[in-house]
Amino acid sequence: MTEPLPPTPGDDGDAQRIIFGITAALLVLVVTYKVGQSDAPVRAPDEAAADASFSPPAESTIPAGPDGDAIRRGRLIFTATSADAASTSATA
């Protein structure tokens, strides 16, 4: 009969505990990452842009003064871009 080998230093399950700890940490990271993700489908930028449409404010809602002038200028840029560009280039 052969005699059992004497235990070697560090052969008491240390490697198994380390592997288990690393595996558990990775599992927690994966689960946390998956929980943080939304299940909503991701829309392409062109789809999102197609849904967005500009509706200029009604003239009656634009205030008087410099703020109103800026709003009217922006409204003109969006509603009559080519006419506004032509008038801007003629004065420049």
PDB file of N, CA and C in Angstrom:
ATOM      1  N   MET A   1       0.819  -1.177   0.000  1.00  0.00           N
ATOM      2  CA  MET A   1       0.000   0.000   0.000  1.00  0.00           C
ATOM      3  C   MET A   1       0.870   1.251   0.000  1.00  0.00           C
ATOM      4  N   THR A   2       0.362   2.287  -0.656  1.00  0.00           N
ATOM      5  CA  THR A   2       1.146   3.512  -0.712  1.00  0.00           C
ATOM      6  C   THR A   2       0.632   4.490   0.331  1.00  0.00           C
ATOM      7  N   GLU A   3       1.522   5.274   0.815  1.00  0.00           N
ATOM      8  CA  GLU A   3       1.134   6.269   1.817  1.00  0.00           C
ATOM      9  C   GLU A   3       0.619   7.523   1.106  1.00  0.00           C
ATOM     10  N   PRO A   4      -0.400   8.204   1.689  1.00  0.00           N
ATOM     11  CA  PRO A   4      -0.890   9.437   1.068  1.00  0.00           C
ATOM     12  C   PRO A   4       0.179  10.519   1.117  1.00  0.00           C
ATOM     13  N   LEU A   5       0.142  11.362   0.113  1.00  0.00           N
ATOM     14  CA  LEU A   5       1.104  12.458   0.053  1.00  0.00           C
ATOM     15  C   LEU A   5       0.756  13.505   1.101  1.00  0.00           C
ATOM     16  N   PRO A   6       1.772  14.126   1.670  1.00  0.00           N
ATOM     17  CA  PRO A   6       1.483  15.182   2.658  1.00  0.00           C
ATOM     18  C   PRO A   6       0.884  16.399   1.932  1.00  0.00           C
ATOM     19  N   PRO A   7       0.024  17.146   2.619  1.00  0.00           N
ATOM     20  CA  PRO A   7      -0.583  18.313   1.969  1.00  0.00           C
ATOM     21  C   PRO A   7       0.483  19.342   1.608  1.00  0.00           C
ATOM     22  N   THR A   8       0.285  19.967   0.448  1.00  0.00           N
ATOM     23  CA  THR A   8       1.212  21.012   0.027  1.00  0.00           C
ATOM     24  C   THR A   8       0.658  22.362   0.460  1.00  0.00           C
ATOM     25  N   PRO A   9       1.538  23.322   0.712  1.00  0.00           N
ATOM     26  CA  PRO A   9       1.049  24.629   1.153  1.00  0.00           C
ATOM     27  C   PRO A   9       0.135  25.261   0.091  1.00  0.00           C
ATOM     28  N   GLY A  10      -0.967  25.841   0.537  1.00  0.00           N
ATOM     29  CA  GLY A  10      -1.901  26.513  -0.349  1.00  0.00           C
ATOM     30  C   GLY A  10      -2.848  25.570  -1.062  1.00  0.00           C
ATOM     31  N   ASP A  11      -2.828  24.301  -0.735  1.00  0.00           N
ATOM     32  CA  ASP A  11      -3.670  23.324  -1.422  1.00  0.00           C
ATOM     33  C   ASP A  11      -4.916  23.021  -0.587  1.00  0.00           C
ATOM     34  N   ASP A  12      -5.430  24.019   0.102  1.00  0.00           N
ATOM     35  CA  ASP A  12      -6.600  23.785   0.945  1.00  0.00           C
ATOM     36  C   ASP A  12      -7.847  24.450   0.363  1.00  0.00           C
ATOM     37  N   GLY A  13      -7.914  24.587  -0.936  1.00  0.00           N
ATOM     38  CA  GLY A  13      -9.090  25.164  -1.567  1.00  0.00           C
ATOM     39  C   GLY A  13      -8.962  26.642  -1.871  1.00  0.00           C
ATOM     40  N   ASP A  14      -7.781  27.216  -1.673  1.00  0.00           N
ATOM     41  CA  ASP A  14      -7.591  28.637  -1.960  1.00  0.00           C
ATOM     42  C   ASP A  14      -7.899  28.952  -3.423  1.00  0.00           C
ATOM     43  N   ALA A  15      -7.408  28.125  -4.323  1.00  0.00           N
ATOM     44  CA  ALA A  15      -7.627  28.366  -5.746  1.00  0.00           C
ATOM     45  C   ALA A  15      -9.120  28.296  -6.070  1.00  0.00           C
ATOM     46  N   GLN A  16      -9.811  27.361  -5.476  1.00  0.00           N
ATOM     47  CA  GLN A  16     -11.252  27.236  -5.726  1.00  0.00           C
ATOM     48  C   GLN A  16     -12.007  28.455  -5.214  1.00  0.00           C
ATOM     49  N   ARG A  17     -11.630  28.960  -4.046  1.00  0.00           N
ATOM     50  CA  ARG A  17     -12.282  30.152  -3.507  1.00  0.00           C
ATOM     51  C   ARG A  17     -12.014  31.377  -4.376  1.00  0.00           C
ATOM     52  N   ILE A  18     -10.811  31.491  -4.904  1.00  0.00           N
ATOM     53  CA  ILE A  18     -10.473  32.621  -5.768  1.00  0.00           C
ATOM     54  C   ILE A  18     -11.280  32.547  -7.063  1.00  0.00           C
ATOM     55  N   ILE A  19     -11.329  31.375  -7.653  1.00  0.00           N
ATOM     56  CA  ILE A  19     -12.095  31.202  -8.896  1.00  0.00           C
ATOM     57  C   ILE A  19     -13.575  31.473  -8.644  1.00  0.00           C
ATOM     58  N   PHE A  20     -14.101  30.989  -7.519  1.00  0.00           N
ATOM     59  CA  PHE A  20     -15.502  31.241  -7.184  1.00  0.00           C
ATOM     60  C   PHE A  20     -15.756  32.739  -7.006  1.00  0.00           C
ATOM     61  N   GLY A  21     -14.857  33.440  -6.337  1.00  0.00           N
ATOM     62  CA  GLY A  21     -15.018  34.880  -6.117  1.00  0.00           C
ATOM     63  C   GLY A  21     -15.003  35.662  -7.423  1.00  0.00           C
ATOM     64  N   ILE A  22     -14.087  35.313  -8.304  1.00  0.00           N
ATOM     65  CA  ILE A  22     -14.018  35.994  -9.604  1.00  0.00           C
ATOM     66  C   ILE A  22     -15.275  35.715 -10.417  1.00  0.00           C
ATOM     67  N   THR A  23     -15.725  34.472 -10.421  1.00  0.00           N
ATOM     68  CA  THR A  23     -16.937  34.101 -11.160  1.00  0.00           C
ATOM     69  C   THR A  23     -18.151  34.846 -10.611  1.00  0.00           C
ATOM     70  N   ALA A  24     -18.277  34.929  -9.293  1.00  0.00           N
ATOM     71  CA  ALA A  24     -19.406  35.633  -8.679  1.00  0.00           C
ATOM     72  C   ALA A  24     -19.368  37.122  -9.027  1.00  0.00           C
ATOM     73  N   ALA A  25     -18.185  37.717  -9.005  1.00  0.00           N
ATOM     74  CA  ALA A  25     -18.065  39.138  -9.334  1.00  0.00           C
ATOM     75  C   ALA A  25     -18.455  39.393 -10.791  1.00  0.00           C
ATOM     76  N   LEU A  26     -18.017  38.538 -11.699  1.00  0.00           N
ATOM     77  CA  LEU A  26     -18.390  38.688 -13.107  1.00  0.00           C
ATOM     78  C   LEU A  26     -19.888  38.521 -13.304  1.00  0.00           C
ATOM     79  N   LEU A  27     -20.478  37.575 -12.611  1.00  0.00           N
ATOM     80  CA  LEU A  27     -21.919  37.362 -12.711  1.00  0.00           C
ATOM     81  C   LEU A  27     -22.683  38.600 -12.228  1.00  0.00           C
ATOM     82  N   VAL A  28     -22.250  39.199 -11.139  1.00  0.00           N
ATOM     83  CA  VAL A  28     -22.892  40.409 -10.637  1.00  0.00           C
ATOM     84  C   VAL A  28     -22.752  41.544 -11.651  1.00  0.00           C
ATOM     85  N   LEU A  29     -21.594  41.688 -12.261  1.00  0.00           N
ATOM     86  CA  LEU A  29     -21.396  42.733 -13.266  1.00  0.00           C
ATOM     87  C   LEU A  29     -22.305  42.539 -14.473  1.00  0.00           C
ATOM     88  N   VAL A  30     -22.419  41.313 -14.956  1.00  0.00           N
ATOM     89  CA  VAL A  30     -23.262  41.040 -16.120  1.00  0.00           C
ATOM     90  C   VAL A  30     -24.723  41.312 -15.804  1.00  0.00           C
ATOM     91  N   VAL A  31     -25.191  40.848 -14.652  1.00  0.00           N
ATOM     92  CA  VAL A  31     -26.593  41.061 -14.275  1.00  0.00           C
ATOM     93  C   VAL A  31     -26.868  42.550 -14.097  1.00  0.00           C
ATOM     94  N   THR A  32     -25.970  43.276 -13.455  1.00  0.00           N
ATOM     95  CA  THR A  32     -26.147  44.709 -13.257  1.00  0.00           C
ATOM     96  C   THR A  32     -26.182  45.437 -14.590  1.00  0.00           C
ATOM     97  N   TYR A  33     -25.337  45.055 -15.519  1.00  0.00           N
ATOM     98  CA  TYR A  33     -25.306  45.678 -16.841  1.00  0.00           C
ATOM     99  C   TYR A  33     -26.616  45.418 -17.583  1.00  0.00           C
ATOM    100  N   LYS A  34     -27.098  44.195 -17.547  1.00  0.00           N
ATOM    101  CA  LYS A  34     -28.331  43.843 -18.255  1.00  0.00           C
ATOM    102  C   LYS A  34     -29.539  44.545 -17.646  1.00  0.00           C
ATOM    103  N   VAL A  35     -29.586  44.676 -16.336  1.00  0.00           N
ATOM    104  CA  VAL A  35     -30.708  45.339 -15.682  1.00  0.00           C
ATOM    105  C   VAL A  35     -30.730  46.814 -16.051  1.00  0.00           C
ATOM    106  N   GLY A  36     -29.567  47.431 -16.232  1.00  0.00           N
ATOM    107  CA  GLY A  36     -29.479  48.848 -16.562  1.00  0.00           C
ATOM    108  C   GLY A  36     -29.879  49.168 -17.987  1.00  0.00           C
ATOM    109  N   GLN A  37     -29.941  48.168 -18.855  1.00  0.00           N
ATOM    110  CA  GLN A  37     -30.305  48.407 -20.246  1.00  0.00           C
ATOM    111  C   GLN A  37     -31.817  48.462 -20.379  1.00  0.00           C
ATOM    112  N   SER A  38     -32.275  49.326 -21.265  1.00  0.00           N
ATOM    113  CA  SER A  38     -33.702  49.463 -21.520  1.00  0.00           C
ATOM    114  C   SER A  38     -34.131  48.425 -22.545  1.00  0.00           C
ATOM    115  N   ASP A  39     -35.366  47.948 -22.404  1.00  0.00           N
ATOM    116  CA  ASP A  39     -35.910  47.009 -23.377  1.00  0.00           C
ATOM    117  C   ASP A  39     -36.542  47.740 -24.555  1.00  0.00           C
ATOM    118  N   ALA A  40     -36.603  49.058 -24.482  1.00  0.00           N
ATOM    119  CA  ALA A  40     -37.198  49.831 -25.571  1.00  0.00           C
ATOM    120  C   ALA A  40     -36.299  49.756 -26.793  1.00  0.00           C
ATOM    121  N   PRO A  41     -36.881  49.625 -27.967  1.00  0.00           N
ATOM    122  CA  PRO A  41     -36.057  49.560 -29.161  1.00  0.00           C
ATOM    123  C   PRO A  41     -35.365  50.895 -29.417  1.00  0.00           C
ATOM    124  N   VAL A  42     -34.175  50.819 -29.939  1.00  0.00           N
ATOM    125  CA  VAL A  42     -33.408  52.018 -30.254  1.00  0.00           C
ATOM    126  C   VAL A  42     -33.817  52.485 -31.641  1.00  0.00           C
ATOM    127  N   ARG A  43     -34.182  53.753 -31.735  1.00  0.00           N
ATOM    128  CA  ARG A  43     -34.607  54.299 -33.024  1.00  0.00           C
ATOM    129  C   ARG A  43     -33.435  54.954 -33.716  1.00  0.00           C
ATOM    130  N   ALA A  44     -33.405  54.806 -35.013  1.00  0.00           N
ATOM    131  CA  ALA A  44     -32.359  55.435 -35.808  1.00  0.00           C
ATOM    132  C   ALA A  44     -32.569  56.944 -35.780  1.00  0.00           C
ATOM    133  N   PRO A  45     -31.498  57.729 -35.896  1.00  0.00           N
ATOM    134  CA  PRO A  45     -31.635  59.194 -35.851  1.00  0.00           C
ATOM    135  C   PRO A  45     -32.601  59.749 -36.893  1.00  0.00           C
ATOM    136  N   ASP A  46     -32.631  59.161 -38.097  1.00  0.00           N
ATOM    137  CA  ASP A  46     -33.523  59.692 -39.123  1.00  0.00           C
ATOM    138  C   ASP A  46     -34.985  59.433 -38.785  1.00  0.00           C
ATOM    139  N   GLU A  47     -35.276  58.339 -38.052  1.00  0.00           N
ATOM    140  CA  GLU A  47     -36.653  58.079 -37.615  1.00  0.00           C
ATOM    141  C   GLU A  47     -37.074  59.105 -36.573  1.00  0.00           C
ATOM    142  N   ALA A  48     -36.167  59.421 -35.655  1.00  0.00           N
ATOM    143  CA  ALA A  48     -36.481  60.405 -34.619  1.00  0.00           C
ATOM    144  C   ALA A  48     -36.683  61.777 -35.253  1.00  0.00           C
ATOM    145  N   ALA A  49     -35.882  62.115 -36.235  1.00  0.00           N
ATOM    146  CA  ALA A  49     -35.999  63.415 -36.889  1.00  0.00           C
ATOM    147  C   ALA A  49     -37.294  63.513 -37.683  1.00  0.00           C
ATOM    148  N   ALA A  50     -37.760  62.394 -38.233  1.00  0.00           N
ATOM    149  CA  ALA A  50     -39.004  62.412 -39.010  1.00  0.00           C
ATOM    150  C   ALA A  50     -40.196  62.721 -38.108  1.00  0.00           C
ATOM    151  N   ASP A  51     -40.111  62.297 -36.850  1.00  0.00           N
ATOM    152  CA  ASP A  51     -41.202  62.559 -35.913  1.00  0.00           C
ATOM    153  C   ASP A  51     -41.222  64.005 -35.444  1.00  0.00           C
ATOM    154  N   ALA A  52     -40.055  64.635 -35.414  1.00  0.00           N
ATOM    155  CA  ALA A  52     -39.962  66.008 -34.924  1.00  0.00           C
ATOM    156  C   ALA A  52     -40.316  66.970 -36.054  1.00  0.00           C
ATOM    157  N   SER A  53     -41.271  67.800 -35.813  1.00  0.00           N
ATOM    158  CA  SER A  53     -41.619  68.798 -36.818  1.00  0.00           C
ATOM    159  C   SER A  53     -41.682  70.163 -36.143  1.00  0.00           C
ATOM    160  N   PHE A  54     -41.286  71.180 -36.882  1.00  0.00           N
ATOM    161  CA  PHE A  54     -41.275  72.526 -36.334  1.00  0.00           C
ATOM    162  C   PHE A  54     -42.618  73.184 -36.572  1.00  0.00           C
ATOM    163  N   SER A  55     -43.139  73.729 -35.532  1.00  0.00           N
ATOM    164  CA  SER A  55     -44.385  74.473 -35.622  1.00  0.00           C
ATOM    165  C   SER A  55     -44.105  75.866 -35.054  1.00  0.00           C
ATOM    166  N   PRO A  56     -43.989  76.878 -35.907  1.00  0.00           N
ATOM    167  CA  PRO A  56     -43.636  78.205 -35.408  1.00  0.00           C
ATOM    168  C   PRO A  56     -44.742  78.771 -34.527  1.00  0.00           C
ATOM    169  N   PRO A  57     -44.367  79.607 -33.588  1.00  0.00           N
ATOM    170  CA  PRO A  57     -45.377  80.192 -32.702  1.00  0.00           C
ATOM    171  C   PRO A  57     -46.312  81.124 -33.482  1.00  0.00           C
ATOM    172  N   ALA A  58     -47.529  81.199 -33.016  1.00  0.00           N
ATOM    173  CA  ALA A  58     -48.482  82.121 -33.642  1.00  0.00           C
ATOM    174  C   ALA A  58     -48.027  83.552 -33.381  1.00  0.00           C
ATOM    175  N   GLU A  59     -48.260  84.416 -34.337  1.00  0.00           N
ATOM    176  CA  GLU A  59     -47.840  85.821 -34.223  1.00  0.00           C
ATOM    177  C   GLU A  59     -48.422  86.462 -32.959  1.00  0.00           C
ATOM    178  N   SER A  60     -49.628  86.077 -32.589  1.00  0.00           N
ATOM    179  CA  SER A  60     -50.277  86.672 -31.409  1.00  0.00           C
ATOM    180  C   SER A  60     -49.593  86.280 -30.100  1.00  0.00           C
ATOM    181  N   THR A  61     -48.804  85.196 -30.106  1.00  0.00           N
ATOM    182  CA  THR A  61     -48.143  84.762 -28.866  1.00  0.00           C
ATOM    183  C   THR A  61     -46.733  85.316 -28.723  1.00  0.00           C
ATOM    184  N   ILE A  62     -46.229  85.980 -29.742  1.00  0.00           N
ATOM    185  CA  ILE A  62     -44.869  86.526 -29.697  1.00  0.00           C
ATOM    186  C   ILE A  62     -44.887  87.853 -28.942  1.00  0.00           C
ATOM    187  N   PRO A  63     -44.028  88.000 -27.941  1.00  0.00           N
ATOM    188  CA  PRO A  63     -44.023  89.230 -27.153  1.00  0.00           C
ATOM    189  C   PRO A  63     -43.420  90.398 -27.931  1.00  0.00           C
ATOM    190  N   ALA A  64     -43.665  91.587 -27.427  1.00  0.00           N
ATOM    191  CA  ALA A  64     -43.074  92.796 -28.022  1.00  0.00           C
ATOM    192  C   ALA A  64     -41.653  92.948 -27.501  1.00  0.00           C
ATOM    193  N   GLY A  65     -40.887  93.783 -28.145  1.00  0.00           N
ATOM    194  CA  GLY A  65     -39.544  94.077 -27.665  1.00  0.00           C
ATOM    195  C   GLY A  65     -38.482  93.240 -28.346  1.00  0.00           C
ATOM    196  N   PRO A  66     -37.249  93.307 -27.816  1.00  0.00           N
ATOM    197  CA  PRO A  66     -36.118  92.609 -28.437  1.00  0.00           C
ATOM    198  C   PRO A  66     -36.296  91.089 -28.477  1.00  0.00           C
ATOM    199  N   ASP A  67     -36.888  90.513 -27.420  1.00  0.00           N
ATOM    200  CA  ASP A  67     -37.116  89.069 -27.418  1.00  0.00           C
ATOM    201  C   ASP A  67     -38.079  88.682 -28.528  1.00  0.00           C
ATOM    202  N   GLY A  68     -39.124  89.438 -28.693  1.00  0.00           N
ATOM    203  CA  GLY A  68     -40.092  89.181 -29.753  1.00  0.00           C
ATOM    204  C   GLY A  68     -39.464  89.334 -31.128  1.00  0.00           C
ATOM    205  N   ASP A  69     -38.584  90.331 -31.268  1.00  0.00           N
ATOM    206  CA  ASP A  69     -37.882  90.514 -32.545  1.00  0.00           C
ATOM    207  C   ASP A  69     -37.030  89.288 -32.877  1.00  0.00           C
ATOM    208  N   ALA A  70     -36.351  88.749 -31.871  1.00  0.00           N
ATOM    209  CA  ALA A  70     -35.519  87.560 -32.081  1.00  0.00           C
ATOM    210  C   ALA A  70     -36.396  86.358 -32.449  1.00  0.00           C
ATOM    211  N   ILE A  71     -37.531  86.226 -31.792  1.00  0.00           N
ATOM    212  CA  ILE A  71     -38.444  85.124 -32.093  1.00  0.00           C
ATOM    213  C   ILE A  71     -38.994  85.261 -33.507  1.00  0.00           C
ATOM    214  N   ARG A  72     -39.391  86.472 -33.885  1.00  0.00           N
ATOM    215  CA  ARG A  72     -39.897  86.693 -35.248  1.00  0.00           C
ATOM    216  C   ARG A  72     -38.819  86.392 -36.289  1.00  0.00           C
ATOM    217  N   ARG A  73     -37.573  86.765 -35.995  1.00  0.00           N
ATOM    218  CA  ARG A  73     -36.456  86.486 -36.914  1.00  0.00           C
ATOM    219  C   ARG A  73     -36.272  84.975 -37.067  1.00  0.00           C
ATOM    220  N   GLY A  74     -36.296  84.253 -35.972  1.00  0.00           N
ATOM    221  CA  GLY A  74     -36.177  82.796 -36.030  1.00  0.00           C
ATOM    222  C   GLY A  74     -37.334  82.160 -36.779  1.00  0.00           C
ATOM    223  N   ARG A  75     -38.526  82.689 -36.562  1.00  0.00           N
ATOM    224  CA  ARG A  75     -39.718  82.182 -37.267  1.00  0.00           C
ATOM    225  C   ARG A  75     -39.557  82.388 -38.766  1.00  0.00           C
ATOM    226  N   LEU A  76     -39.033  83.541 -39.155  1.00  0.00           N
ATOM    227  CA  LEU A  76     -38.814  83.834 -40.565  1.00  0.00           C
ATOM    228  C   LEU A  76     -37.769  82.890 -41.164  1.00  0.00           C
ATOM    229  N   ILE A  77     -36.713  82.607 -40.412  1.00  0.00           N
ATOM    230  CA  ILE A  77     -35.673  81.690 -40.898  1.00  0.00           C
ATOM    231  C   ILE A  77     -36.266  80.316 -41.191  1.00  0.00           C
ATOM    232  N   PHE A  78     -37.154  79.831 -40.340  1.00  0.00           N
ATOM    233  CA  PHE A  78     -37.738  78.506 -40.532  1.00  0.00           C
ATOM    234  C   PHE A  78     -38.838  78.482 -41.580  1.00  0.00           C
ATOM    235  N   THR A  79     -39.600  79.521 -41.678  1.00  0.00           N
ATOM    236  CA  THR A  79     -40.752  79.495 -42.590  1.00  0.00           C
ATOM    237  C   THR A  79     -40.426  79.995 -43.981  1.00  0.00           C
ATOM    238  N   ALA A  80     -39.427  80.849 -44.121  1.00  0.00           N
ATOM    239  CA  ALA A  80     -39.096  81.402 -45.435  1.00  0.00           C
ATOM    240  C   ALA A  80     -37.580  81.468 -45.582  1.00  0.00           C
ATOM    241  N   THR A  81     -36.942  80.316 -45.481  1.00  0.00           N
ATOM    242  CA  THR A  81     -35.480  80.266 -45.468  1.00  0.00           C
ATOM    243  C   THR A  81     -34.864  80.882 -46.718  1.00  0.00           C
ATOM    244  N   SER A  82     -35.354  80.507 -47.879  1.00  0.00           N
ATOM    245  CA  SER A  82     -34.718  80.997 -49.115  1.00  0.00           C
ATOM    246  C   SER A  82     -34.913  82.512 -49.269  1.00  0.00           C
ATOM    247  N   ALA A  83     -36.087  83.026 -48.937  1.00  0.00           N
ATOM    248  CA  ALA A  83     -36.326  84.470 -49.031  1.00  0.00           C
ATOM    249  C   ALA A  83     -35.469  85.220 -48.018  1.00  0.00           C
ATOM    250  N   ASP A  84     -35.349  84.656 -46.821  1.00  0.00           N
ATOM    251  CA  ASP A  84     -34.548  85.291 -45.778  1.00  0.00           C
ATOM    252  C   ASP A  84     -33.074  85.268 -46.155  1.00  0.00           C
ATOM    253  N   ALA A  85     -32.602  84.159 -46.724  1.00  0.00           N
ATOM    254  CA  ALA A  85     -31.200  84.065 -47.131  1.00  0.00           C
ATOM    255  C   ALA A  85     -30.896  85.075 -48.238  1.00  0.00           C
ATOM    256  N   ALA A  86     -31.821  85.241 -49.163  1.00  0.00           N
ATOM    257  CA  ALA A  86     -31.610  86.194 -50.243  1.00  0.00           C
ATOM    258  C   ALA A  86     -31.550  87.619 -49.717  1.00  0.00           C
ATOM    259  N   SER A  87     -32.418  87.953 -48.768  1.00  0.00           N
ATOM    260  CA  SER A  87     -32.403  89.304 -48.228  1.00  0.00           C
ATOM    261  C   SER A  87     -31.169  89.546 -47.361  1.00  0.00           C
ATOM    262  N   THR A  88     -30.689  88.527 -46.683  1.00  0.00           N
ATOM    263  CA  THR A  88     -29.503  88.652 -45.854  1.00  0.00           C
ATOM    264  C   THR A  88     -28.265  88.834 -46.715  1.00  0.00           C
ATOM    265  N   SER A  89     -28.174  88.068 -47.803  1.00  0.00           N
ATOM    266  CA  SER A  89     -26.987  88.186 -48.660  1.00  0.00           C
ATOM    267  C   SER A  89     -26.981  89.506 -49.419  1.00  0.00           C
ATOM    268  N   ALA A  90     -28.137  90.097 -49.696  1.00  0.00           N
ATOM    269  CA  ALA A  90     -28.198  91.381 -50.396  1.00  0.00           C
ATOM    270  C   ALA A  90     -27.739  92.513 -49.505  1.00  0.00           C
ATOM    271  N   THR A  91     -27.946  92.387 -48.186  1.00  0.00           N
ATOM    272  CA  THR A  91     -27.568  93.466 -47.271  1.00  0.00           C
ATOM    273  C   THR A  91     -26.139  93.288 -46.770  1.00  0.00           C
ATOM    274  N   ALA A  92     -25.537  92.151 -46.984  1.00  0.00           N
ATOM    275  CA  ALA A  92     -24.195  91.896 -46.443  1.00  0.00           C
ATOM    276  C   ALA A  92     -23.115  92.440 -47.325  1.00  0.00           C
TER     277      ALA A  92
END
